[in-house]
Amino acid sequence: MAREVINLLELAAEEVPADLKAETYFDFSAHPFAHKALFDESSSVCQAISKISDYATAWLERAIAELKGSKGVQVVGAKDVHAQVLGEFEVVVCKGAVFAPRCIIGAKGKPGTIVVGPGASVVGCDLEVKKGSIFVGAGTSMEPGVGVKGPTIIGENCEIRQGAYLRGDCILGDDCTIRCEMKNAVVMNKGNFPHPSYLGDSLAGYMTHFGNQVTAANLGIYNGVRDKKDRINLTLEIAGKVYDIGTPKMGVVLGDFCQVGCSSTTDPGTFLRPFTIAYTLTRITRGLYGPNEVLKNKPMEHGVVERAPLRPL
């Protein structure tokens, strides 16, 4: 007899298991986050992932409207920007900011907006606002070779390194270091993703970290060969009950202080509670881990790696 599958997105907030609630992963009292409202409006972390785009779009509209009415702000259009440009857009440049991008791709009809906060530096970057605006917080530095699509919100005093690719629907907190590829993801304050890696359809809490070449897989390999309309939603078993999370695409939820070592991968639908540490070269399968747990891949110590003498060449 087939087991009952519970639709997570149809549950009232009080019916959602604790293992899928934001407070299990993120301590907003100890580590305040400017975009906590995203989680206040969501009954589960899975629902929060599905709401990133709408939340970012609404937040950008409010922030831009408020900023345009303040003093010391310069608003310029495409004809006033010294860069390769295409389409319509506007730029809101705050006091002390440096804005010298390489390329800007705007929209047709309603123009997108780029905000460069006080003291921020955007140099040699490729920016696209066809589908949404881009907000760069005060003191943030974006190096040449960075690519960003809107809607994207970048917090204050971040370091966005050469090679970073933010593909849209991205929200970064303050003091983040980023060189990864991201899309539809939230990284909270002091998030540290400083190397080539991938984070999609995911949430990353306070002071989380990916080592070099870590991948948060967000679509199962068998779903990848199905047409989109035929893909099967991810499920998760908690306390003997099976929950349909409402989408076939999800990466990882990293609780506060989680760390994933170099060249590791997380399967779609992975949940790491706070202070979960994964060694290098670890495959973390779908499910729940932590808190305060170390995941070790130690093939040399446990005899998984075969050793043989080298024959004469």
C-alpha atoms as a PDB file:
ATOM      1  CA  MET A   1       0.000   0.000   0.000  1.00  0.00           C
ATOM      2  CA  ALA A   2       1.400   3.380  -1.015  1.00  0.00           C
ATOM      3  CA  ARG A   3       2.315   5.738   1.815  1.00  0.00           C
ATOM      4  CA  GLU A   4       0.483   9.027   2.151  1.00  0.00           C
ATOM      5  CA  VAL A   5       2.440  11.991   0.846  1.00  0.00           C
ATOM      6  CA  ILE A   6       1.720  15.324   2.555  1.00  0.00           C
ATOM      7  CA  ASN A   7       1.829  18.513   0.488  1.00  0.00           C
ATOM      8  CA  LEU A   8       4.074  20.805   2.520  1.00  0.00           C
ATOM      9  CA  LEU A   9       2.921  24.022   0.860  1.00  0.00           C
ATOM     10  CA  GLU A  10      -0.700  23.340   1.795  1.00  0.00           C
ATOM     11  CA  LEU A  11       0.017  23.018   5.518  1.00  0.00           C
ATOM     12  CA  ALA A  12      -0.763  25.743   8.040  1.00  0.00           C
ATOM     13  CA  ALA A  13       2.324  27.124   9.780  1.00  0.00           C
ATOM     14  CA  GLU A  14       1.600  25.172  12.986  1.00  0.00           C
ATOM     15  CA  GLU A  15       1.425  21.905  11.019  1.00  0.00           C
ATOM     16  CA  VAL A  16       4.886  22.287   9.449  1.00  0.00           C
ATOM     17  CA  PRO A  17       7.460  20.032  11.145  1.00  0.00           C
ATOM     18  CA  ALA A  18      10.153  21.845  13.143  1.00  0.00           C
ATOM     19  CA  ASP A  19      12.838  20.364  10.854  1.00  0.00           C
ATOM     20  CA  LEU A  20      11.535  22.551   8.014  1.00  0.00           C
ATOM     21  CA  LYS A  21      11.046  25.809   9.933  1.00  0.00           C
ATOM     22  CA  ALA A  22      13.420  28.746   9.581  1.00  0.00           C
ATOM     23  CA  GLU A  23      14.124  29.018  13.319  1.00  0.00           C
ATOM     24  CA  THR A  24      15.666  25.538  13.262  1.00  0.00           C
ATOM     25  CA  TYR A  25      18.376  26.812  10.919  1.00  0.00           C
ATOM     26  CA  PHE A  26      18.762  30.553  11.528  1.00  0.00           C
ATOM     27  CA  ASP A  27      19.050  32.523  14.782  1.00  0.00           C
ATOM     28  CA  PHE A  28      17.862  35.980  13.780  1.00  0.00           C
ATOM     29  CA  SER A  29      18.083  37.256  17.364  1.00  0.00           C
ATOM     30  CA  ALA A  30      21.803  36.534  17.604  1.00  0.00           C
ATOM     31  CA  HIS A  31      22.483  37.406  13.956  1.00  0.00           C
ATOM     32  CA  PRO A  32      19.966  39.979  12.644  1.00  0.00           C
ATOM     33  CA  PHE A  33      19.269  39.816   8.914  1.00  0.00           C
ATOM     34  CA  ALA A  34      17.843  42.694   6.908  1.00  0.00           C
ATOM     35  CA  HIS A  35      15.588  40.357   4.926  1.00  0.00           C
ATOM     36  CA  LYS A  36      14.114  38.351   7.798  1.00  0.00           C
ATOM     37  CA  ALA A  37      10.686  39.358   6.460  1.00  0.00           C
ATOM     38  CA  LEU A  38      11.096  36.749   3.719  1.00  0.00           C
ATOM     39  CA  PHE A  39      11.014  34.071   6.415  1.00  0.00           C
ATOM     40  CA  ASP A  40       8.292  35.752   8.454  1.00  0.00           C
ATOM     41  CA  GLU A  41       6.081  35.489   5.366  1.00  0.00           C
ATOM     42  CA  SER A  42       6.905  31.786   4.805  1.00  0.00           C
ATOM     43  CA  SER A  43       5.725  28.766   6.761  1.00  0.00           C
ATOM     44  CA  SER A  44       8.837  26.710   5.896  1.00  0.00           C
ATOM     45  CA  VAL A  45      12.309  27.100   4.478  1.00  0.00           C
ATOM     46  CA  CYS A  46      11.084  25.405   1.293  1.00  0.00           C
ATOM     47  CA  GLN A  47       8.388  28.022   0.854  1.00  0.00           C
ATOM     48  CA  ALA A  48      10.940  30.785   1.507  1.00  0.00           C
ATOM     49  CA  ILE A  49      13.012  29.513  -1.435  1.00  0.00           C
ATOM     50  CA  SER A  50       9.941  29.677  -3.676  1.00  0.00           C
ATOM     51  CA  LYS A  51       9.288  33.293  -2.614  1.00  0.00           C
ATOM     52  CA  ILE A  52      12.777  34.740  -3.171  1.00  0.00           C
ATOM     53  CA  SER A  53      11.980  36.314  -6.541  1.00  0.00           C
ATOM     54  CA  ASP A  54       8.735  37.985  -5.475  1.00  0.00           C
ATOM     55  CA  TYR A  55      10.244  39.223  -2.222  1.00  0.00           C
ATOM     56  CA  ALA A  56      13.342  40.658  -3.933  1.00  0.00           C
ATOM     57  CA  THR A  57      11.250  42.417  -6.601  1.00  0.00           C
ATOM     58  CA  ALA A  58       8.954  44.057  -4.047  1.00  0.00           C
ATOM     59  CA  TRP A  59      11.847  45.065  -1.785  1.00  0.00           C
ATOM     60  CA  LEU A  60      13.748  46.624  -4.687  1.00  0.00           C
ATOM     61  CA  GLU A  61      10.729  48.696  -5.759  1.00  0.00           C
ATOM     62  CA  ARG A  62      10.317  50.124  -2.252  1.00  0.00           C
ATOM     63  CA  ALA A  63      14.018  50.759  -1.687  1.00  0.00           C
ATOM     64  CA  ILE A  64      14.529  52.464  -5.044  1.00  0.00           C
ATOM     65  CA  ALA A  65      11.489  54.718  -4.637  1.00  0.00           C
ATOM     66  CA  GLU A  66      12.685  55.787  -1.191  1.00  0.00           C
ATOM     67  CA  LEU A  67      16.250  56.377  -2.324  1.00  0.00           C
ATOM     68  CA  LYS A  68      15.269  58.553  -5.288  1.00  0.00           C
ATOM     69  CA  GLY A  69      13.662  61.014  -2.931  1.00  0.00           C
ATOM     70  CA  SER A  70      16.742  61.460  -0.736  1.00  0.00           C
ATOM     71  CA  LYS A  71      19.495  64.067  -0.976  1.00  0.00           C
ATOM     72  CA  GLY A  72      22.906  63.514  -2.526  1.00  0.00           C
ATOM     73  CA  VAL A  73      21.657  61.000  -5.061  1.00  0.00           C
ATOM     74  CA  GLN A  74      22.258  61.253  -8.803  1.00  0.00           C
ATOM     75  CA  VAL A  75      19.933  59.511 -11.258  1.00  0.00           C
ATOM     76  CA  VAL A  76      21.269  58.950 -14.785  1.00  0.00           C
ATOM     77  CA  GLY A  77      20.031  57.166 -17.896  1.00  0.00           C
ATOM     78  CA  ALA A  78      21.654  54.978 -20.537  1.00  0.00           C
ATOM     79  CA  LYS A  79      22.940  57.942 -22.594  1.00  0.00           C
ATOM     80  CA  ASP A  80      24.938  59.219 -19.608  1.00  0.00           C
ATOM     81  CA  VAL A  81      26.778  55.971 -18.839  1.00  0.00           C
ATOM     82  CA  HIS A  82      30.228  55.336 -20.325  1.00  0.00           C
ATOM     83  CA  ALA A  83      29.900  51.615 -21.056  1.00  0.00           C
ATOM     84  CA  GLN A  84      28.593  49.249 -23.681  1.00  0.00           C
ATOM     85  CA  VAL A  85      24.826  49.584 -23.299  1.00  0.00           C
ATOM     86  CA  LEU A  86      21.717  47.974 -24.735  1.00  0.00           C
ATOM     87  CA  GLY A  87      18.103  48.805 -23.930  1.00  0.00           C
ATOM     88  CA  GLU A  88      16.617  51.114 -21.325  1.00  0.00           C
ATOM     89  CA  PHE A  89      17.721  51.459 -17.711  1.00  0.00           C
ATOM     90  CA  GLU A  90      18.498  54.023 -15.052  1.00  0.00           C
ATOM     91  CA  VAL A  91      21.262  54.237 -12.471  1.00  0.00           C
ATOM     92  CA  VAL A  92      20.944  55.680  -8.976  1.00  0.00           C
ATOM     93  CA  VAL A  93      24.416  56.684  -7.819  1.00  0.00           C
ATOM     94  CA  CYS A  94      24.896  57.628  -4.169  1.00  0.00           C
ATOM     95  CA  LYS A  95      27.558  59.853  -2.646  1.00  0.00           C
ATOM     96  CA  GLY A  96      31.089  58.520  -2.897  1.00  0.00           C
ATOM     97  CA  ALA A  97      30.188  55.639  -5.184  1.00  0.00           C
ATOM     98  CA  VAL A  98      32.294  54.585  -8.171  1.00  0.00           C
ATOM     99  CA  PHE A  99      30.305  53.306 -11.156  1.00  0.00           C
ATOM    100  CA  ALA A 100      32.308  52.217 -14.194  1.00  0.00           C
ATOM    101  CA  PRO A 101      30.768  48.988 -15.547  1.00  0.00           C
ATOM    102  CA  ARG A 102      31.862  47.241 -18.720  1.00  0.00           C
ATOM    103  CA  CYS A 103      28.387  46.449 -20.058  1.00  0.00           C
ATOM    104  CA  ILE A 104      24.762  47.084 -19.118  1.00  0.00           C
ATOM    105  CA  ILE A 105      21.826  45.282 -20.704  1.00  0.00           C
ATOM    106  CA  GLY A 106      18.546  47.044 -20.056  1.00  0.00           C
ATOM    107  CA  ALA A 107      14.930  46.250 -20.685  1.00  0.00           C
ATOM    108  CA  LYS A 108      12.421  47.175 -23.359  1.00  0.00           C
ATOM    109  CA  GLY A 109       9.570  49.295 -22.071  1.00  0.00           C
ATOM    110  CA  LYS A 110       9.834  49.746 -18.315  1.00  0.00           C
ATOM    111  CA  PRO A 111      13.515  50.326 -17.548  1.00  0.00           C
ATOM    112  CA  GLY A 112      15.316  48.411 -14.834  1.00  0.00           C
ATOM    113  CA  THR A 113      17.286  50.252 -12.173  1.00  0.00           C
ATOM    114  CA  ILE A 114      20.795  49.850 -10.815  1.00  0.00           C
ATOM    115  CA  VAL A 115      21.503  51.302  -7.367  1.00  0.00           C
ATOM    116  CA  VAL A 116      25.078  51.932  -6.265  1.00  0.00           C
ATOM    117  CA  GLY A 117      25.160  52.695  -2.553  1.00  0.00           C
ATOM    118  CA  PRO A 118      27.391  55.196  -0.737  1.00  0.00           C
ATOM    119  CA  GLY A 119      31.048  54.348  -1.114  1.00  0.00           C
ATOM    120  CA  ALA A 120      30.360  51.269  -3.242  1.00  0.00           C
ATOM    121  CA  SER A 121      32.541  50.409  -6.231  1.00  0.00           C
ATOM    122  CA  VAL A 122      31.242  48.758  -9.412  1.00  0.00           C
ATOM    123  CA  VAL A 123      34.081  48.529 -11.930  1.00  0.00           C
ATOM    124  CA  GLY A 124      34.370  46.470 -15.121  1.00  0.00           C
ATOM    125  CA  CYS A 125      31.218  44.434 -14.403  1.00  0.00           C
ATOM    126  CA  ASP A 126      28.488  43.128 -16.694  1.00  0.00           C
ATOM    127  CA  LEU A 127      25.006  44.024 -15.430  1.00  0.00           C
ATOM    128  CA  GLU A 128      21.602  42.959 -16.754  1.00  0.00           C
ATOM    129  CA  VAL A 129      18.321  44.485 -15.596  1.00  0.00           C
ATOM    130  CA  LYS A 130      15.958  43.019 -18.207  1.00  0.00           C
ATOM    131  CA  LYS A 131      13.986  41.079 -15.596  1.00  0.00           C
ATOM    132  CA  GLY A 132      14.653  43.068 -12.458  1.00  0.00           C
ATOM    133  CA  SER A 133      16.724  45.704 -10.728  1.00  0.00           C
ATOM    134  CA  ILE A 134      20.086  45.432  -8.988  1.00  0.00           C
ATOM    135  CA  PHE A 135      20.925  46.987  -5.609  1.00  0.00           C
ATOM    136  CA  VAL A 136      24.541  47.295  -4.471  1.00  0.00           C
ATOM    137  CA  GLY A 137      24.843  48.218  -0.793  1.00  0.00           C
ATOM    138  CA  ALA A 138      27.101  50.806   0.798  1.00  0.00           C
ATOM    139  CA  GLY A 139      30.794  50.014   0.818  1.00  0.00           C
ATOM    140  CA  THR A 140      30.484  46.936  -1.382  1.00  0.00           C
ATOM    141  CA  SER A 141      33.188  46.264  -3.957  1.00  0.00           C
ATOM    142  CA  MET A 142      32.453  44.519  -7.253  1.00  0.00           C
ATOM    143  CA  GLU A 143      35.575  43.591  -9.194  1.00  0.00           C
ATOM    144  CA  PRO A 144      36.052  43.500 -12.984  1.00  0.00           C
ATOM    145  CA  GLY A 145      34.686  40.305 -14.477  1.00  0.00           C
ATOM    146  CA  VAL A 146      31.640  40.011 -12.214  1.00  0.00           C
ATOM    147  CA  GLY A 147      28.294  39.280 -13.870  1.00  0.00           C
ATOM    148  CA  VAL A 148      24.968  40.140 -12.205  1.00  0.00           C
ATOM    149  CA  LYS A 149      21.363  39.761 -13.391  1.00  0.00           C
ATOM    150  CA  GLY A 150      18.413  41.308 -11.605  1.00  0.00           C
ATOM    151  CA  PRO A 151      16.479  41.022  -9.462  1.00  0.00           C
ATOM    152  CA  THR A 152      19.452  40.951  -7.092  1.00  0.00           C
ATOM    153  CA  ILE A 153      20.063  42.570  -3.708  1.00  0.00           C
ATOM    154  CA  ILE A 154      23.644  42.864  -2.460  1.00  0.00           C
ATOM    155  CA  GLY A 155      24.198  44.050   1.117  1.00  0.00           C
ATOM    156  CA  GLU A 156      26.770  46.371   2.604  1.00  0.00           C
ATOM    157  CA  ASN A 157      30.545  45.919   2.703  1.00  0.00           C
ATOM    158  CA  CYS A 158      30.520  42.811   0.535  1.00  0.00           C
ATOM    159  CA  GLU A 159      33.414  41.685  -1.654  1.00  0.00           C
ATOM    160  CA  ILE A 160      32.156  40.349  -4.982  1.00  0.00           C
ATOM    161  CA  ARG A 161      35.210  38.848  -6.612  1.00  0.00           C
ATOM    162  CA  GLN A 162      36.177  38.471 -10.237  1.00  0.00           C
ATOM    163  CA  GLY A 163      34.380  35.507 -11.755  1.00  0.00           C
ATOM    164  CA  ALA A 164      31.277  35.705  -9.570  1.00  0.00           C
ATOM    165  CA  TYR A 165      28.035  35.149 -11.501  1.00  0.00           C
ATOM    166  CA  LEU A 166      24.776  36.124  -9.825  1.00  0.00           C
ATOM    167  CA  ARG A 167      22.081  34.898 -12.201  1.00  0.00           C
ATOM    168  CA  GLY A 168      19.112  36.667 -10.657  1.00  0.00           C
ATOM    169  CA  ASP A 169      16.758  36.213  -7.695  1.00  0.00           C
ATOM    170  CA  CYS A 170      19.752  36.547  -5.380  1.00  0.00           C
ATOM    171  CA  ILE A 171      19.812  38.159  -1.933  1.00  0.00           C
ATOM    172  CA  LEU A 172      23.090  38.751  -0.109  1.00  0.00           C
ATOM    173  CA  GLY A 173      23.438  40.061   3.433  1.00  0.00           C
ATOM    174  CA  ASP A 174      26.251  42.271   4.714  1.00  0.00           C
ATOM    175  CA  ASP A 175      29.978  41.446   4.819  1.00  0.00           C
ATOM    176  CA  CYS A 176      29.727  38.560   2.347  1.00  0.00           C
ATOM    177  CA  THR A 177      32.590  37.316   0.174  1.00  0.00           C
ATOM    178  CA  ILE A 178      31.371  35.854  -3.119  1.00  0.00           C
ATOM    179  CA  ARG A 179      33.024  34.301  -6.155  1.00  0.00           C
ATOM    180  CA  CYS A 180      30.524  31.521  -6.830  1.00  0.00           C
ATOM    181  CA  GLU A 181      27.671  31.094  -9.287  1.00  0.00           C
ATOM    182  CA  MET A 182      24.326  31.748  -7.616  1.00  0.00           C
ATOM    183  CA  LYS A 183      20.693  31.798  -8.654  1.00  0.00           C
ATOM    184  CA  ASN A 184      17.483  31.951  -6.646  1.00  0.00           C
ATOM    185  CA  ALA A 185      19.421  31.884  -3.395  1.00  0.00           C
ATOM    186  CA  VAL A 186      19.851  33.762  -0.123  1.00  0.00           C
ATOM    187  CA  VAL A 187      23.187  34.185   1.642  1.00  0.00           C
ATOM    188  CA  MET A 188      23.004  35.824   5.050  1.00  0.00           C
ATOM    189  CA  ASN A 189      25.561  38.085   6.760  1.00  0.00           C
ATOM    190  CA  LYS A 190      29.216  37.038   6.588  1.00  0.00           C
ATOM    191  CA  GLY A 191      28.445  34.281   4.110  1.00  0.00           C
ATOM    192  CA  ASN A 192      31.751  33.115   2.650  1.00  0.00           C
ATOM    193  CA  PHE A 193      31.597  31.609  -0.836  1.00  0.00           C
ATOM    194  CA  PRO A 194      34.976  32.896  -2.072  1.00  0.00           C
ATOM    195  CA  HIS A 195      35.852  30.231  -4.658  1.00  0.00           C
ATOM    196  CA  PRO A 196      34.289  28.763  -7.812  1.00  0.00           C
ATOM    197  CA  SER A 197      31.226  26.831  -6.595  1.00  0.00           C
ATOM    198  CA  TYR A 198      27.488  26.607  -7.250  1.00  0.00           C
ATOM    199  CA  LEU A 199      24.554  27.580  -5.026  1.00  0.00           C
ATOM    200  CA  GLY A 200      21.092  27.454  -6.556  1.00  0.00           C
ATOM    201  CA  ASP A 201      17.554  27.316  -5.103  1.00  0.00           C
ATOM    202  CA  SER A 202      19.134  27.425  -1.666  1.00  0.00           C
ATOM    203  CA  LEU A 203      19.415  29.239   1.667  1.00  0.00           C
ATOM    204  CA  ALA A 204      22.694  29.890   3.481  1.00  0.00           C
ATOM    205  CA  GLY A 205      22.736  31.171   7.038  1.00  0.00           C
ATOM    206  CA  TYR A 206      25.089  33.334   9.073  1.00  0.00           C
ATOM    207  CA  MET A 207      28.814  32.745   8.480  1.00  0.00           C
ATOM    208  CA  THR A 208      28.262  29.734   6.203  1.00  0.00           C
ATOM    209  CA  HIS A 209      31.011  28.630   3.838  1.00  0.00           C
ATOM    210  CA  PHE A 210      31.636  26.597   0.695  1.00  0.00           C
ATOM    211  CA  GLY A 211      35.164  25.428  -0.052  1.00  0.00           C
ATOM    212  CA  ASN A 212      36.574  25.392  -3.569  1.00  0.00           C
ATOM    213  CA  GLN A 213      34.436  23.645  -6.218  1.00  0.00           C
ATOM    214  CA  VAL A 214      31.520  22.717  -3.942  1.00  0.00           C
ATOM    215  CA  THR A 215      28.257  22.085  -5.795  1.00  0.00           C
ATOM    216  CA  ALA A 216      24.769  22.251  -4.330  1.00  0.00           C
ATOM    217  CA  ALA A 217      22.942  20.109  -6.886  1.00  0.00           C
ATOM    218  CA  ASN A 218      19.387  21.375  -7.334  1.00  0.00           C
ATOM    219  CA  LEU A 219      17.834  18.924  -9.805  1.00  0.00           C
ATOM    220  CA  GLY A 220      17.968  15.155  -9.553  1.00  0.00           C
ATOM    221  CA  ILE A 221      19.834  13.414 -12.353  1.00  0.00           C
ATOM    222  CA  TYR A 222      16.758  11.428 -13.450  1.00  0.00           C
ATOM    223  CA  ASN A 223      14.527  14.482 -13.349  1.00  0.00           C
ATOM    224  CA  GLY A 224      17.065  16.112 -15.645  1.00  0.00           C
ATOM    225  CA  VAL A 225      16.118  13.790 -18.514  1.00  0.00           C
ATOM    226  CA  ARG A 226      12.386  14.449 -18.097  1.00  0.00           C
ATOM    227  CA  ASP A 227      10.464  17.275 -19.723  1.00  0.00           C
ATOM    228  CA  LYS A 228       9.810  20.027 -17.202  1.00  0.00           C
ATOM    229  CA  LYS A 229       6.099  19.213 -17.071  1.00  0.00           C
ATOM    230  CA  ASP A 230       6.896  15.578 -16.181  1.00  0.00           C
ATOM    231  CA  ARG A 231       9.401  16.210 -13.397  1.00  0.00           C
ATOM    232  CA  ILE A 232       8.640  14.724  -9.993  1.00  0.00           C
ATOM    233  CA  ASN A 233       8.631  16.872  -6.849  1.00  0.00           C
ATOM    234  CA  LEU A 234      11.206  16.197  -4.160  1.00  0.00           C
ATOM    235  CA  THR A 235       9.998  14.402  -1.053  1.00  0.00           C
ATOM    236  CA  LEU A 236      11.448  14.220   2.423  1.00  0.00           C
ATOM    237  CA  GLU A 237      10.707  11.766   5.226  1.00  0.00           C
ATOM    238  CA  ILE A 238      10.460  13.252   8.730  1.00  0.00           C
ATOM    239  CA  ALA A 239       9.334  11.284  11.797  1.00  0.00           C
ATOM    240  CA  GLY A 240       7.769   8.585   9.637  1.00  0.00           C
ATOM    241  CA  LYS A 241       5.820  11.004   7.439  1.00  0.00           C
ATOM    242  CA  VAL A 242       6.601  11.828   3.813  1.00  0.00           C
ATOM    243  CA  TYR A 243       6.392  15.464   2.687  1.00  0.00           C
ATOM    244  CA  ASP A 244       6.189  16.734  -0.896  1.00  0.00           C
ATOM    245  CA  ILE A 245       8.116  20.039  -0.799  1.00  0.00           C
ATOM    246  CA  GLY A 246       6.252  21.412  -3.831  1.00  0.00           C
ATOM    247  CA  THR A 247       9.027  21.518  -6.425  1.00  0.00           C
ATOM    248  CA  PRO A 248      11.466  19.195  -8.206  1.00  0.00           C
ATOM    249  CA  LYS A 249      14.203  21.839  -7.858  1.00  0.00           C
ATOM    250  CA  MET A 250      15.895  22.607  -4.581  1.00  0.00           C
ATOM    251  CA  GLY A 251      19.510  22.798  -3.499  1.00  0.00           C
ATOM    252  CA  VAL A 252      20.570  22.993   0.127  1.00  0.00           C
ATOM    253  CA  VAL A 253      19.576  24.740   3.350  1.00  0.00           C
ATOM    254  CA  LEU A 254      22.715  25.639   5.305  1.00  0.00           C
ATOM    255  CA  GLY A 255      22.038  26.572   8.918  1.00  0.00           C
ATOM    256  CA  ASP A 256      24.183  29.146  10.694  1.00  0.00           C
ATOM    257  CA  PHE A 257      27.910  28.321  10.735  1.00  0.00           C
ATOM    258  CA  CYS A 258      27.658  25.314   8.380  1.00  0.00           C
ATOM    259  CA  GLN A 259      30.796  24.554   6.375  1.00  0.00           C
ATOM    260  CA  VAL A 260      31.178  22.302   3.323  1.00  0.00           C
ATOM    261  CA  GLY A 261      34.703  21.242   2.334  1.00  0.00           C
ATOM    262  CA  CYS A 262      36.341  21.454  -1.084  1.00  0.00           C
ATOM    263  CA  SER A 263      34.956  19.459  -4.024  1.00  0.00           C
ATOM    264  CA  SER A 264      31.985  18.170  -2.032  1.00  0.00           C
ATOM    265  CA  THR A 265      28.429  17.923  -3.342  1.00  0.00           C
ATOM    266  CA  THR A 266      25.022  18.114  -1.732  1.00  0.00           C
ATOM    267  CA  ASP A 267      22.121  16.266  -3.314  1.00  0.00           C
ATOM    268  CA  PRO A 268      18.893  18.124  -4.112  1.00  0.00           C
ATOM    269  CA  GLY A 269      16.845  18.478  -0.932  1.00  0.00           C
ATOM    270  CA  THR A 270      19.678  18.534   1.627  1.00  0.00           C
ATOM    271  CA  PHE A 271      19.144  20.210   5.010  1.00  0.00           C
ATOM    272  CA  LEU A 272      22.108  20.981   7.274  1.00  0.00           C
ATOM    273  CA  ARG A 273      21.223  22.268  10.714  1.00  0.00           C
ATOM    274  CA  PRO A 274      23.616  24.752  12.415  1.00  0.00           C
ATOM    275  CA  PHE A 275      27.263  23.832  12.927  1.00  0.00           C
ATOM    276  CA  THR A 276      27.245  20.924  10.485  1.00  0.00           C
ATOM    277  CA  ILE A 277      30.721  20.482   8.999  1.00  0.00           C
ATOM    278  CA  ALA A 278      31.441  18.339   5.930  1.00  0.00           C
ATOM    279  CA  TYR A 279      34.949  17.147   5.072  1.00  0.00           C
ATOM    280  CA  THR A 280      36.364  17.586   1.595  1.00  0.00           C
ATOM    281  CA  LEU A 281      35.208  15.224  -1.195  1.00  0.00           C
ATOM    282  CA  THR A 282      31.990  14.344   0.639  1.00  0.00           C
ATOM    283  CA  ARG A 283      28.750  13.505  -1.107  1.00  0.00           C
ATOM    284  CA  ILE A 284      25.886  14.529   1.171  1.00  0.00           C
ATOM    285  CA  THR A 285      22.717  12.704   0.173  1.00  0.00           C
ATOM    286  CA  ARG A 286      19.216  14.139   0.462  1.00  0.00           C
ATOM    287  CA  GLY A 287      17.974  14.407   4.016  1.00  0.00           C
ATOM    288  CA  LEU A 288      18.521  16.041   7.400  1.00  0.00           C
ATOM    289  CA  TYR A 289      21.867  16.443   9.186  1.00  0.00           C
ATOM    290  CA  GLY A 290      23.140  18.070  12.364  1.00  0.00           C
ATOM    291  CA  PRO A 291      23.159  20.169  14.343  1.00  0.00           C
ATOM    292  CA  ASN A 292      26.732  19.994  15.675  1.00  0.00           C
ATOM    293  CA  GLU A 293      27.739  17.119  13.416  1.00  0.00           C
ATOM    294  CA  VAL A 294      30.820  16.344  11.332  1.00  0.00           C
ATOM    295  CA  LEU A 295      30.363  14.473   8.029  1.00  0.00           C
ATOM    296  CA  LYS A 296      33.598  12.695   7.111  1.00  0.00           C
ATOM    297  CA  ASN A 297      34.771  11.160   3.863  1.00  0.00           C
ATOM    298  CA  LYS A 298      37.966   9.280   4.796  1.00  0.00           C
ATOM    299  CA  PRO A 299      38.678   6.740   2.028  1.00  0.00           C
ATOM    300  CA  MET A 300      42.368   6.321   2.856  1.00  0.00           C
ATOM    301  CA  GLU A 301      41.666   5.600   6.518  1.00  0.00           C
ATOM    302  CA  HIS A 302      38.882   3.094   5.841  1.00  0.00           C
ATOM    303  CA  GLY A 303      40.403   1.233   2.898  1.00  0.00           C
ATOM    304  CA  VAL A 304      38.079   2.420   0.158  1.00  0.00           C
ATOM    305  CA  VAL A 305      40.986   3.569  -2.021  1.00  0.00           C
ATOM    306  CA  GLU A 306      42.894   0.732  -3.694  1.00  0.00           C
ATOM    307  CA  ARG A 307      46.686   1.080  -3.694  1.00  0.00           C
ATOM    308  CA  ALA A 308      48.865  -0.826  -6.156  1.00  0.00           C
ATOM    309  CA  PRO A 309      52.539  -0.693  -7.186  1.00  0.00           C
ATOM    310  CA  LEU A 310      53.417   1.164 -10.356  1.00  0.00           C
ATOM    311  CA  ARG A 311      54.637  -1.218 -13.022  1.00  0.00           C
ATOM    312  CA  PRO A 312      57.665  -0.234 -15.081  1.00  0.00           C
ATOM    313  CA  LEU A 313      56.661   1.948 -18.004  1.00  0.00           C
END
